[in-house]
Amino acid sequence: MTLVDRLNAWCRKVPTWAVYIVCLIPIPILYYQAVTGGLGRDPVKGLEHELGEIALQLLILGLSVSPLRKFTGLNLLKFRRAIGVVTFVYVSLHLLVYAALDVQSLGRVWADIVKRPYITVGMLAFVLMIPLVATSNNRATKALGATWRKLHLLTYPIAILGAAHFIWLSKGFQLEPLVYLAIVLLLLSTRLPKMMRSLKA
């Protein structure tokens, strides 16, 4: 038995709820760090940044599931839905910290959406995620049929918008956001043929 076979056998034994628990562990840790000064002189900005970056990392992880299966044989499809839902949780918390603790005004939020392109891009990604989360259940999958697969192609522009949001808000030349964008584009390039077939179906 190869290493991949062993990993796949182990993954089959791992319950999906365990993925939710493991992925959500950073949340209380980050809030504790924010309260105790572990996120720097501006804990609100630090918390906002950390939640957003974890959301982008989880989004990339979700995009990696199919390429990993295709190119390595590692099958993580069982966990893709959980990863997507947890990604939305982090994006929502990122937005909540920004709105409630950073700008502290719905008027300011709207003004930023209109005036600041990186906020516009980030909010658009959040809005596009809502129908994906709303249909991430067996009932919706069965009811929508092939339409469900087309709807979930929104994951691709969401990933690009998320990476662009990170690049835009970074001050000066920062390598890390560019690396995230490069990874997103690489993963999407492996999905392009499948995406085109889904759109034509």
N, C-alpha and C. Protein backbone atom coordinates (compact mmCIF):
# COMPACT_ATOMS: atom_id res chain seq x y z
N MET A 1 0.85 -1.20 0.00
CA MET A 1 0.00 0.00 0.00
C MET A 1 0.89 1.25 0.00
N THR A 2 0.59 2.18 -0.91
CA THR A 2 1.38 3.40 -1.02
C THR A 2 0.98 4.39 0.08
N LEU A 3 1.78 5.46 0.19
CA LEU A 3 1.49 6.49 1.17
C LEU A 3 0.14 7.14 0.91
N VAL A 4 -0.17 7.39 -0.36
CA VAL A 4 -1.45 8.00 -0.72
C VAL A 4 -2.60 7.08 -0.32
N ASP A 5 -2.44 5.78 -0.55
CA ASP A 5 -3.48 4.82 -0.17
C ASP A 5 -3.70 4.85 1.34
N ARG A 6 -2.63 4.95 2.09
CA ARG A 6 -2.75 5.01 3.54
C ARG A 6 -3.46 6.28 3.98
N LEU A 7 -3.10 7.38 3.34
CA LEU A 7 -3.73 8.65 3.67
C LEU A 7 -5.22 8.63 3.34
N ASN A 8 -5.56 8.06 2.19
CA ASN A 8 -6.97 7.97 1.80
C ASN A 8 -7.75 7.08 2.77
N ALA A 9 -7.13 6.00 3.19
CA ALA A 9 -7.78 5.10 4.15
C ALA A 9 -8.00 5.82 5.48
N TRP A 10 -7.02 6.62 5.89
CA TRP A 10 -7.14 7.37 7.13
C TRP A 10 -8.23 8.44 7.02
N CYS A 11 -8.29 9.12 5.85
CA CYS A 11 -9.29 10.17 5.64
C CYS A 11 -10.71 9.61 5.68
N ARG A 12 -10.87 8.40 5.19
CA ARG A 12 -12.21 7.78 5.21
C ARG A 12 -12.70 7.56 6.64
N LYS A 13 -11.77 7.43 7.57
CA LYS A 13 -12.14 7.20 8.97
C LYS A 13 -12.40 8.50 9.74
N VAL A 14 -11.93 9.61 9.19
CA VAL A 14 -12.07 10.89 9.90
C VAL A 14 -13.47 11.45 9.66
N PRO A 15 -14.23 11.72 10.72
CA PRO A 15 -15.57 12.29 10.55
C PRO A 15 -15.49 13.75 10.09
N THR A 16 -16.47 14.19 9.34
CA THR A 16 -16.47 15.55 8.81
C THR A 16 -16.50 16.59 9.93
N TRP A 17 -17.21 16.27 11.02
CA TRP A 17 -17.30 17.25 12.11
C TRP A 17 -15.93 17.57 12.70
N ALA A 18 -15.00 16.63 12.59
CA ALA A 18 -13.65 16.88 13.11
C ALA A 18 -12.97 18.01 12.32
N VAL A 19 -13.26 18.09 11.03
CA VAL A 19 -12.69 19.16 10.21
C VAL A 19 -13.20 20.52 10.66
N TYR A 20 -14.51 20.59 10.97
CA TYR A 20 -15.06 21.84 11.48
C TYR A 20 -14.35 22.27 12.75
N ILE A 21 -14.18 21.33 13.68
CA ILE A 21 -13.56 21.66 14.96
C ILE A 21 -12.13 22.14 14.78
N VAL A 22 -11.34 21.39 13.99
CA VAL A 22 -9.94 21.75 13.80
C VAL A 22 -9.81 23.11 13.11
N CYS A 23 -10.64 23.34 12.10
CA CYS A 23 -10.54 24.60 11.35
C CYS A 23 -11.00 25.80 12.16
N LEU A 24 -11.87 25.57 13.14
CA LEU A 24 -12.39 26.69 13.94
C LEU A 24 -11.55 26.98 15.18
N ILE A 25 -10.59 26.12 15.48
CA ILE A 25 -9.75 26.31 16.68
C ILE A 25 -9.05 27.68 16.70
N PRO A 26 -8.54 28.19 15.56
CA PRO A 26 -7.84 29.48 15.61
C PRO A 26 -8.71 30.65 16.08
N ILE A 27 -10.02 30.55 15.95
CA ILE A 27 -10.88 31.70 16.28
C ILE A 27 -10.75 32.12 17.75
N PRO A 28 -11.01 31.22 18.72
CA PRO A 28 -10.85 31.66 20.12
C PRO A 28 -9.41 32.04 20.46
N ILE A 29 -8.44 31.40 19.80
CA ILE A 29 -7.04 31.74 20.05
C ILE A 29 -6.75 33.18 19.60
N LEU A 30 -7.26 33.53 18.43
CA LEU A 30 -7.04 34.88 17.90
C LEU A 30 -7.73 35.94 18.76
N TYR A 31 -8.95 35.64 19.21
CA TYR A 31 -9.64 36.60 20.06
C TYR A 31 -8.92 36.77 21.40
N TYR A 32 -8.38 35.70 21.92
CA TYR A 32 -7.61 35.78 23.16
C TYR A 32 -6.36 36.64 22.96
N GLN A 33 -5.68 36.42 21.84
CA GLN A 33 -4.49 37.21 21.53
C GLN A 33 -4.83 38.69 21.36
N ALA A 34 -5.99 38.95 20.75
CA ALA A 34 -6.40 40.34 20.56
C ALA A 34 -6.64 41.03 21.90
N VAL A 35 -7.27 40.31 22.82
CA VAL A 35 -7.59 40.88 24.14
C VAL A 35 -6.34 41.06 25.00
N THR A 36 -5.40 40.16 24.85
CA THR A 36 -4.20 40.18 25.71
C THR A 36 -3.02 40.89 25.08
N GLY A 37 -3.20 41.49 23.92
CA GLY A 37 -2.13 42.25 23.28
C GLY A 37 -1.21 41.45 22.40
N GLY A 38 -1.61 40.24 22.07
CA GLY A 38 -0.76 39.38 21.26
C GLY A 38 -0.81 39.67 19.77
N LEU A 39 -1.68 40.62 19.36
CA LEU A 39 -1.79 40.95 17.94
C LEU A 39 -1.28 42.35 17.63
N GLY A 40 -0.39 42.84 18.47
CA GLY A 40 0.24 44.12 18.20
C GLY A 40 -0.47 45.30 18.83
N ARG A 41 -0.02 46.50 18.45
CA ARG A 41 -0.55 47.73 19.05
C ARG A 41 -1.98 48.03 18.61
N ASP A 42 -2.39 47.51 17.47
CA ASP A 42 -3.76 47.69 16.98
C ASP A 42 -4.40 46.31 16.87
N PRO A 43 -4.94 45.78 17.98
CA PRO A 43 -5.46 44.41 17.97
C PRO A 43 -6.65 44.22 17.03
N VAL A 44 -7.44 45.26 16.83
CA VAL A 44 -8.59 45.14 15.92
C VAL A 44 -8.11 44.90 14.50
N LYS A 45 -7.16 45.70 14.05
CA LYS A 45 -6.60 45.51 12.71
C LYS A 45 -5.91 44.16 12.60
N GLY A 46 -5.19 43.78 13.66
CA GLY A 46 -4.52 42.49 13.66
C GLY A 46 -5.49 41.34 13.55
N LEU A 47 -6.58 41.42 14.32
CA LEU A 47 -7.60 40.37 14.28
C LEU A 47 -8.27 40.32 12.91
N GLU A 48 -8.58 41.48 12.39
CA GLU A 48 -9.21 41.59 11.07
C GLU A 48 -8.33 40.95 10.00
N HIS A 49 -7.04 41.26 10.05
CA HIS A 49 -6.09 40.72 9.07
C HIS A 49 -5.96 39.20 9.19
N GLU A 50 -5.80 38.71 10.42
CA GLU A 50 -5.60 37.27 10.62
C GLU A 50 -6.81 36.47 10.16
N LEU A 51 -8.00 36.94 10.49
CA LEU A 51 -9.22 36.23 10.06
C LEU A 51 -9.34 36.21 8.53
N GLY A 52 -9.01 37.34 7.90
CA GLY A 52 -9.08 37.40 6.44
C GLY A 52 -8.06 36.51 5.77
N GLU A 53 -6.85 36.47 6.34
CA GLU A 53 -5.81 35.63 5.73
C GLU A 53 -6.13 34.14 5.88
N ILE A 54 -6.66 33.75 7.04
CA ILE A 54 -7.05 32.35 7.21
C ILE A 54 -8.17 31.99 6.24
N ALA A 55 -9.10 32.92 6.03
CA ALA A 55 -10.18 32.68 5.06
C ALA A 55 -9.61 32.42 3.67
N LEU A 56 -8.62 33.21 3.27
CA LEU A 56 -8.01 33.03 1.95
C LEU A 56 -7.27 31.70 1.88
N GLN A 57 -6.59 31.33 2.95
CA GLN A 57 -5.88 30.05 2.99
C GLN A 57 -6.86 28.87 2.87
N LEU A 58 -7.99 28.97 3.55
CA LEU A 58 -9.00 27.91 3.47
C LEU A 58 -9.63 27.86 2.08
N LEU A 59 -9.82 29.02 1.48
CA LEU A 59 -10.35 29.07 0.12
C LEU A 59 -9.41 28.36 -0.85
N ILE A 60 -8.11 28.61 -0.68
CA ILE A 60 -7.11 27.93 -1.51
C ILE A 60 -7.11 26.43 -1.23
N LEU A 61 -7.26 26.06 0.04
CA LEU A 61 -7.32 24.64 0.38
C LEU A 61 -8.50 23.97 -0.30
N GLY A 62 -9.65 24.63 -0.30
CA GLY A 62 -10.83 24.08 -0.98
C GLY A 62 -10.60 23.93 -2.48
N LEU A 63 -9.92 24.91 -3.09
CA LEU A 63 -9.61 24.82 -4.52
C LEU A 63 -8.61 23.71 -4.82
N SER A 64 -7.83 23.33 -3.82
CA SER A 64 -6.78 22.32 -4.02
C SER A 64 -7.31 20.90 -4.02
N VAL A 65 -8.54 20.70 -3.55
CA VAL A 65 -9.06 19.34 -3.38
C VAL A 65 -9.07 18.57 -4.70
N SER A 66 -9.65 19.14 -5.73
CA SER A 66 -9.73 18.43 -7.02
C SER A 66 -8.37 18.23 -7.67
N PRO A 67 -7.49 19.27 -7.74
CA PRO A 67 -6.15 19.03 -8.30
C PRO A 67 -5.35 17.98 -7.53
N LEU A 68 -5.48 17.96 -6.20
CA LEU A 68 -4.78 16.94 -5.41
C LEU A 68 -5.24 15.54 -5.79
N ARG A 69 -6.54 15.40 -5.98
CA ARG A 69 -7.07 14.09 -6.38
C ARG A 69 -6.61 13.71 -7.78
N LYS A 70 -6.59 14.70 -8.67
CA LYS A 70 -6.24 14.43 -10.06
C LYS A 70 -4.76 14.09 -10.23
N PHE A 71 -3.90 14.84 -9.56
CA PHE A 71 -2.46 14.71 -9.81
C PHE A 71 -1.73 13.83 -8.81
N THR A 72 -2.32 13.62 -7.62
CA THR A 72 -1.63 12.80 -6.61
C THR A 72 -2.43 11.58 -6.17
N GLY A 73 -3.74 11.60 -6.45
CA GLY A 73 -4.59 10.50 -6.00
C GLY A 73 -5.14 10.69 -4.60
N LEU A 74 -4.71 11.77 -3.90
CA LEU A 74 -5.20 12.04 -2.55
C LEU A 74 -6.64 12.53 -2.63
N ASN A 75 -7.55 11.83 -1.97
CA ASN A 75 -8.98 12.13 -2.07
C ASN A 75 -9.49 12.82 -0.81
N LEU A 76 -9.69 14.15 -0.93
CA LEU A 76 -10.23 14.94 0.18
C LEU A 76 -11.63 15.49 -0.12
N LEU A 77 -12.28 14.91 -1.14
CA LEU A 77 -13.59 15.40 -1.54
C LEU A 77 -14.60 15.37 -0.39
N LYS A 78 -14.44 14.43 0.48
CA LYS A 78 -15.33 14.28 1.63
C LYS A 78 -15.36 15.54 2.49
N PHE A 79 -14.26 16.30 2.48
CA PHE A 79 -14.14 17.44 3.37
C PHE A 79 -14.34 18.79 2.67
N ARG A 80 -14.56 18.78 1.37
CA ARG A 80 -14.61 20.04 0.62
C ARG A 80 -15.76 20.94 1.07
N ARG A 81 -16.92 20.35 1.33
CA ARG A 81 -18.06 21.15 1.77
C ARG A 81 -17.77 21.80 3.12
N ALA A 82 -17.20 21.04 4.03
CA ALA A 82 -16.87 21.58 5.35
C ALA A 82 -15.87 22.72 5.23
N ILE A 83 -14.88 22.55 4.37
CA ILE A 83 -13.87 23.60 4.17
C ILE A 83 -14.54 24.87 3.64
N GLY A 84 -15.48 24.70 2.71
CA GLY A 84 -16.18 25.85 2.14
C GLY A 84 -17.00 26.59 3.18
N VAL A 85 -17.72 25.85 4.02
CA VAL A 85 -18.55 26.47 5.06
C VAL A 85 -17.68 27.22 6.07
N VAL A 86 -16.58 26.59 6.49
CA VAL A 86 -15.69 27.23 7.46
C VAL A 86 -15.04 28.47 6.84
N THR A 87 -14.74 28.42 5.56
CA THR A 87 -14.20 29.60 4.88
C THR A 87 -15.17 30.76 5.00
N PHE A 88 -16.45 30.49 4.79
CA PHE A 88 -17.47 31.54 4.89
C PHE A 88 -17.55 32.09 6.32
N VAL A 89 -17.38 31.21 7.30
CA VAL A 89 -17.38 31.66 8.71
C VAL A 89 -16.26 32.67 8.94
N TYR A 90 -15.07 32.37 8.43
CA TYR A 90 -13.95 33.27 8.62
C TYR A 90 -14.14 34.59 7.86
N VAL A 91 -14.67 34.50 6.66
CA VAL A 91 -14.94 35.73 5.89
C VAL A 91 -15.97 36.58 6.63
N SER A 92 -17.01 35.95 7.17
CA SER A 92 -18.05 36.67 7.90
C SER A 92 -17.48 37.35 9.14
N LEU A 93 -16.62 36.64 9.88
CA LEU A 93 -15.99 37.22 11.07
C LEU A 93 -15.04 38.36 10.69
N HIS A 94 -14.32 38.18 9.60
CA HIS A 94 -13.45 39.24 9.07
C HIS A 94 -14.27 40.50 8.80
N LEU A 95 -15.42 40.34 8.15
CA LEU A 95 -16.30 41.46 7.85
C LEU A 95 -16.90 42.04 9.13
N LEU A 96 -17.28 41.18 10.07
CA LEU A 96 -17.88 41.65 11.32
C LEU A 96 -16.90 42.48 12.14
N VAL A 97 -15.66 42.03 12.23
CA VAL A 97 -14.64 42.79 12.96
C VAL A 97 -14.41 44.14 12.30
N TYR A 98 -14.36 44.15 10.98
CA TYR A 98 -14.18 45.40 10.24
C TYR A 98 -15.34 46.37 10.50
N ALA A 99 -16.59 45.86 10.41
CA ALA A 99 -17.76 46.73 10.52
C ALA A 99 -18.04 47.16 11.96
N ALA A 100 -17.95 46.20 12.90
CA ALA A 100 -18.35 46.47 14.28
C ALA A 100 -17.24 47.03 15.15
N LEU A 101 -16.00 46.62 14.91
CA LEU A 101 -14.91 47.03 15.78
C LEU A 101 -13.96 48.04 15.14
N ASP A 102 -13.84 48.01 13.82
CA ASP A 102 -12.91 48.90 13.14
C ASP A 102 -13.60 50.23 12.80
N VAL A 103 -14.48 50.22 11.81
CA VAL A 103 -15.14 51.48 11.41
C VAL A 103 -16.32 51.82 12.30
N GLN A 104 -16.98 50.82 12.89
CA GLN A 104 -18.05 51.00 13.88
C GLN A 104 -19.23 51.83 13.36
N SER A 105 -19.52 51.68 12.08
CA SER A 105 -20.63 52.44 11.50
C SER A 105 -21.03 51.84 10.16
N LEU A 106 -22.33 51.56 10.01
CA LEU A 106 -22.80 51.03 8.73
C LEU A 106 -22.65 52.06 7.62
N GLY A 107 -22.76 53.34 7.99
CA GLY A 107 -22.55 54.40 7.01
C GLY A 107 -21.13 54.40 6.50
N ARG A 108 -20.17 54.21 7.42
CA ARG A 108 -18.76 54.13 7.02
C ARG A 108 -18.50 52.91 6.15
N VAL A 109 -19.16 51.80 6.48
CA VAL A 109 -19.01 50.59 5.67
C VAL A 109 -19.44 50.86 4.24
N TRP A 110 -20.63 51.47 4.08
CA TRP A 110 -21.15 51.76 2.74
C TRP A 110 -20.23 52.75 2.01
N ALA A 111 -19.75 53.75 2.74
CA ALA A 111 -18.85 54.73 2.13
C ALA A 111 -17.57 54.07 1.64
N ASP A 112 -17.05 53.13 2.42
CA ASP A 112 -15.83 52.41 2.03
C ASP A 112 -16.08 51.52 0.81
N ILE A 113 -17.26 50.89 0.77
CA ILE A 113 -17.59 50.04 -0.38
C ILE A 113 -17.58 50.86 -1.66
N VAL A 114 -18.10 52.08 -1.57
CA VAL A 114 -18.20 52.96 -2.75
C VAL A 114 -16.86 53.56 -3.13
N LYS A 115 -16.07 53.97 -2.11
CA LYS A 115 -14.87 54.75 -2.38
C LYS A 115 -13.57 53.94 -2.44
N ARG A 116 -13.54 52.82 -1.73
CA ARG A 116 -12.29 52.07 -1.63
C ARG A 116 -12.39 50.78 -2.46
N PRO A 117 -11.64 50.69 -3.57
CA PRO A 117 -11.77 49.52 -4.45
C PRO A 117 -11.50 48.20 -3.75
N TYR A 118 -10.56 48.15 -2.81
CA TYR A 118 -10.25 46.87 -2.16
C TYR A 118 -11.39 46.42 -1.26
N ILE A 119 -12.15 47.39 -0.71
CA ILE A 119 -13.34 47.03 0.06
C ILE A 119 -14.44 46.56 -0.88
N THR A 120 -14.58 47.22 -2.01
CA THR A 120 -15.58 46.83 -3.01
C THR A 120 -15.35 45.40 -3.46
N VAL A 121 -14.10 45.09 -3.77
CA VAL A 121 -13.74 43.75 -4.23
C VAL A 121 -14.00 42.71 -3.14
N GLY A 122 -13.60 43.02 -1.91
CA GLY A 122 -13.82 42.10 -0.81
C GLY A 122 -15.28 41.85 -0.52
N MET A 123 -16.09 42.92 -0.57
CA MET A 123 -17.52 42.77 -0.32
C MET A 123 -18.20 41.98 -1.44
N LEU A 124 -17.75 42.17 -2.66
CA LEU A 124 -18.30 41.40 -3.78
C LEU A 124 -18.02 39.92 -3.60
N ALA A 125 -16.82 39.59 -3.16
CA ALA A 125 -16.48 38.18 -2.91
C ALA A 125 -17.39 37.60 -1.82
N PHE A 126 -17.65 38.38 -0.78
CA PHE A 126 -18.53 37.92 0.30
C PHE A 126 -19.94 37.67 -0.22
N VAL A 127 -20.46 38.59 -1.00
CA VAL A 127 -21.82 38.45 -1.54
C VAL A 127 -21.93 37.21 -2.43
N LEU A 128 -20.90 36.96 -3.24
CA LEU A 128 -20.91 35.79 -4.11
C LEU A 128 -20.85 34.48 -3.33
N MET A 129 -20.31 34.53 -2.12
CA MET A 129 -20.22 33.32 -1.30
C MET A 129 -21.57 32.92 -0.70
N ILE A 130 -22.46 33.88 -0.54
CA ILE A 130 -23.74 33.60 0.14
C ILE A 130 -24.55 32.50 -0.55
N PRO A 131 -24.77 32.58 -1.89
CA PRO A 131 -25.52 31.49 -2.52
C PRO A 131 -24.81 30.15 -2.47
N LEU A 132 -23.49 30.16 -2.41
CA LEU A 132 -22.75 28.89 -2.32
C LEU A 132 -23.00 28.22 -0.97
N VAL A 133 -22.94 29.01 0.09
CA VAL A 133 -23.18 28.46 1.42
C VAL A 133 -24.64 28.02 1.56
N ALA A 134 -25.54 28.82 0.99
CA ALA A 134 -26.97 28.51 1.09
C ALA A 134 -27.32 27.21 0.38
N THR A 135 -26.53 26.82 -0.61
CA THR A 135 -26.82 25.60 -1.37
C THR A 135 -25.84 24.47 -1.06
N SER A 136 -25.06 24.63 0.01
CA SER A 136 -24.09 23.59 0.38
C SER A 136 -24.74 22.55 1.30
N ASN A 137 -25.76 21.92 0.80
CA ASN A 137 -26.42 20.84 1.54
C ASN A 137 -26.99 19.85 0.54
N ASN A 138 -27.25 18.65 0.98
CA ASN A 138 -27.71 17.58 0.10
C ASN A 138 -29.03 17.91 -0.58
N ARG A 139 -29.92 18.56 0.15
CA ARG A 139 -31.23 18.91 -0.42
C ARG A 139 -31.08 19.85 -1.61
N ALA A 140 -30.26 20.89 -1.45
CA ALA A 140 -30.05 21.84 -2.54
C ALA A 140 -29.34 21.19 -3.72
N THR A 141 -28.37 20.34 -3.43
CA THR A 141 -27.65 19.64 -4.49
C THR A 141 -28.59 18.82 -5.35
N LYS A 142 -29.49 18.10 -4.68
CA LYS A 142 -30.44 17.26 -5.41
C LYS A 142 -31.46 18.09 -6.16
N ALA A 143 -31.92 19.17 -5.56
CA ALA A 143 -32.96 20.00 -6.19
C ALA A 143 -32.43 20.77 -7.40
N LEU A 144 -31.21 21.26 -7.31
CA LEU A 144 -30.65 22.09 -8.38
C LEU A 144 -30.04 21.27 -9.51
N GLY A 145 -29.60 20.05 -9.23
CA GLY A 145 -29.02 19.20 -10.26
C GLY A 145 -27.78 19.82 -10.89
N ALA A 146 -27.77 19.86 -12.23
CA ALA A 146 -26.61 20.40 -12.95
C ALA A 146 -26.42 21.89 -12.68
N THR A 147 -27.51 22.58 -12.36
CA THR A 147 -27.42 24.01 -12.05
C THR A 147 -26.55 24.25 -10.82
N TRP A 148 -26.58 23.30 -9.88
CA TRP A 148 -25.77 23.43 -8.67
C TRP A 148 -24.29 23.50 -9.03
N ARG A 149 -23.86 22.65 -9.97
CA ARG A 149 -22.45 22.64 -10.35
C ARG A 149 -22.06 23.96 -11.01
N LYS A 150 -22.96 24.50 -11.84
CA LYS A 150 -22.66 25.78 -12.48
C LYS A 150 -22.61 26.91 -11.46
N LEU A 151 -23.54 26.87 -10.49
CA LEU A 151 -23.56 27.89 -9.45
C LEU A 151 -22.26 27.90 -8.66
N HIS A 152 -21.75 26.72 -8.37
CA HIS A 152 -20.55 26.62 -7.55
C HIS A 152 -19.27 26.93 -8.32
N LEU A 153 -19.41 27.25 -9.61
CA LEU A 153 -18.26 27.79 -10.34
C LEU A 153 -17.93 29.20 -9.85
N LEU A 154 -18.84 29.79 -9.06
CA LEU A 154 -18.56 31.10 -8.46
C LEU A 154 -17.34 31.05 -7.55
N THR A 155 -16.98 29.85 -7.13
CA THR A 155 -15.78 29.71 -6.29
C THR A 155 -14.56 30.31 -6.96
N TYR A 156 -14.49 30.21 -8.29
CA TYR A 156 -13.31 30.68 -9.01
C TYR A 156 -13.16 32.20 -8.96
N PRO A 157 -14.21 32.97 -9.36
CA PRO A 157 -14.06 34.43 -9.23
C PRO A 157 -13.92 34.87 -7.78
N ILE A 158 -14.54 34.14 -6.85
CA ILE A 158 -14.40 34.48 -5.42
C ILE A 158 -12.93 34.39 -5.01
N ALA A 159 -12.25 33.34 -5.45
CA ALA A 159 -10.84 33.16 -5.10
C ALA A 159 -9.99 34.29 -5.67
N ILE A 160 -10.25 34.68 -6.91
CA ILE A 160 -9.49 35.77 -7.53
C ILE A 160 -9.76 37.07 -6.81
N LEU A 161 -11.03 37.33 -6.49
CA LEU A 161 -11.40 38.56 -5.78
C LEU A 161 -10.76 38.60 -4.39
N GLY A 162 -10.74 37.44 -3.72
CA GLY A 162 -10.13 37.38 -2.40
C GLY A 162 -8.64 37.68 -2.43
N ALA A 163 -7.96 37.10 -3.41
CA ALA A 163 -6.52 37.36 -3.55
C ALA A 163 -6.27 38.82 -3.93
N ALA A 164 -7.11 39.35 -4.82
CA ALA A 164 -6.97 40.76 -5.23
C ALA A 164 -7.21 41.70 -4.05
N HIS A 165 -8.19 41.36 -3.22
CA HIS A 165 -8.49 42.14 -2.01
C HIS A 165 -7.26 42.21 -1.11
N PHE A 166 -6.60 41.09 -0.94
CA PHE A 166 -5.42 41.02 -0.07
C PHE A 166 -4.28 41.85 -0.65
N ILE A 167 -4.07 41.76 -1.97
CA ILE A 167 -3.00 42.52 -2.61
C ILE A 167 -3.28 44.02 -2.50
N TRP A 168 -4.54 44.41 -2.73
CA TRP A 168 -4.91 45.82 -2.78
C TRP A 168 -4.74 46.50 -1.42
N LEU A 169 -5.08 45.79 -0.35
CA LEU A 169 -5.01 46.42 0.97
C LEU A 169 -3.59 46.42 1.54
N SER A 170 -2.70 45.63 0.94
CA SER A 170 -1.31 45.61 1.40
C SER A 170 -0.61 46.89 0.97
N LYS A 171 0.13 47.46 1.87
CA LYS A 171 0.83 48.71 1.58
C LYS A 171 2.21 48.42 0.98
N GLY A 172 2.47 49.04 -0.17
CA GLY A 172 3.74 48.82 -0.82
C GLY A 172 3.83 47.43 -1.45
N PHE A 173 5.01 47.07 -1.88
CA PHE A 173 5.22 45.76 -2.50
C PHE A 173 5.35 44.69 -1.42
N GLN A 174 4.41 43.77 -1.41
CA GLN A 174 4.41 42.68 -0.44
C GLN A 174 4.40 41.36 -1.22
N LEU A 175 5.36 40.50 -0.94
CA LEU A 175 5.48 39.25 -1.67
C LEU A 175 4.35 38.27 -1.32
N GLU A 176 3.98 38.21 -0.05
CA GLU A 176 3.01 37.21 0.39
C GLU A 176 1.69 37.27 -0.37
N PRO A 177 1.04 38.45 -0.53
CA PRO A 177 -0.21 38.49 -1.29
C PRO A 177 -0.05 38.04 -2.73
N LEU A 178 1.10 38.35 -3.34
CA LEU A 178 1.35 37.93 -4.72
C LEU A 178 1.49 36.42 -4.82
N VAL A 179 2.07 35.81 -3.79
CA VAL A 179 2.20 34.34 -3.76
C VAL A 179 0.81 33.71 -3.70
N TYR A 180 -0.06 34.27 -2.87
CA TYR A 180 -1.43 33.75 -2.79
C TYR A 180 -2.12 33.84 -4.15
N LEU A 181 -1.98 34.99 -4.82
CA LEU A 181 -2.61 35.15 -6.13
C LEU A 181 -2.05 34.15 -7.13
N ALA A 182 -0.73 33.94 -7.11
CA ALA A 182 -0.10 32.99 -8.02
C ALA A 182 -0.64 31.57 -7.79
N ILE A 183 -0.80 31.20 -6.52
CA ILE A 183 -1.33 29.87 -6.20
C ILE A 183 -2.76 29.73 -6.70
N VAL A 184 -3.56 30.77 -6.47
CA VAL A 184 -4.96 30.75 -6.93
C VAL A 184 -5.02 30.58 -8.44
N LEU A 185 -4.23 31.36 -9.17
CA LEU A 185 -4.24 31.28 -10.64
C LEU A 185 -3.76 29.92 -11.12
N LEU A 186 -2.76 29.36 -10.45
CA LEU A 186 -2.26 28.03 -10.82
C LEU A 186 -3.34 26.98 -10.62
N LEU A 187 -4.02 27.04 -9.49
CA LEU A 187 -5.08 26.06 -9.21
C LEU A 187 -6.24 26.21 -10.19
N LEU A 188 -6.58 27.45 -10.52
CA LEU A 188 -7.68 27.66 -11.46
C LEU A 188 -7.30 27.19 -12.86
N SER A 189 -6.03 27.30 -13.22
CA SER A 189 -5.60 26.84 -14.55
C SER A 189 -5.80 25.34 -14.70
N THR A 190 -5.67 24.59 -13.61
CA THR A 190 -5.88 23.14 -13.68
C THR A 190 -7.36 22.79 -13.81
N ARG A 191 -8.23 23.75 -13.44
CA ARG A 191 -9.67 23.50 -13.48
C ARG A 191 -10.34 24.06 -14.73
N LEU A 192 -9.58 24.81 -15.54
CA LEU A 192 -10.17 25.51 -16.68
C LEU A 192 -10.92 24.59 -17.64
N PRO A 193 -10.35 23.46 -18.08
CA PRO A 193 -11.09 22.58 -18.99
C PRO A 193 -12.42 22.10 -18.40
N LYS A 194 -12.40 21.71 -17.13
CA LYS A 194 -13.62 21.24 -16.47
C LYS A 194 -14.64 22.37 -16.36
N MET A 195 -14.16 23.58 -16.07
CA MET A 195 -15.05 24.72 -15.95
C MET A 195 -15.74 25.00 -17.28
N MET A 196 -14.99 24.94 -18.37
CA MET A 196 -15.58 25.19 -19.69
C MET A 196 -16.62 24.14 -20.04
N ARG A 197 -16.35 22.88 -19.68
CA ARG A 197 -17.33 21.82 -19.94
C ARG A 197 -18.60 22.03 -19.13
N SER A 198 -18.44 22.48 -17.89
CA SER A 198 -19.61 22.72 -17.03
C SER A 198 -20.47 23.84 -17.56
N LEU A 199 -19.83 24.90 -18.08
CA LEU A 199 -20.58 26.04 -18.61
C LEU A 199 -21.34 25.67 -19.88
N LYS A 200 -20.79 24.73 -20.68
CA LYS A 200 -21.45 24.33 -21.92
C LYS A 200 -22.56 23.32 -21.68
N ALA A 201 -22.50 22.62 -20.52
CA ALA A 201 -23.49 21.56 -20.25
C ALA A 201 -24.89 22.14 -20.04
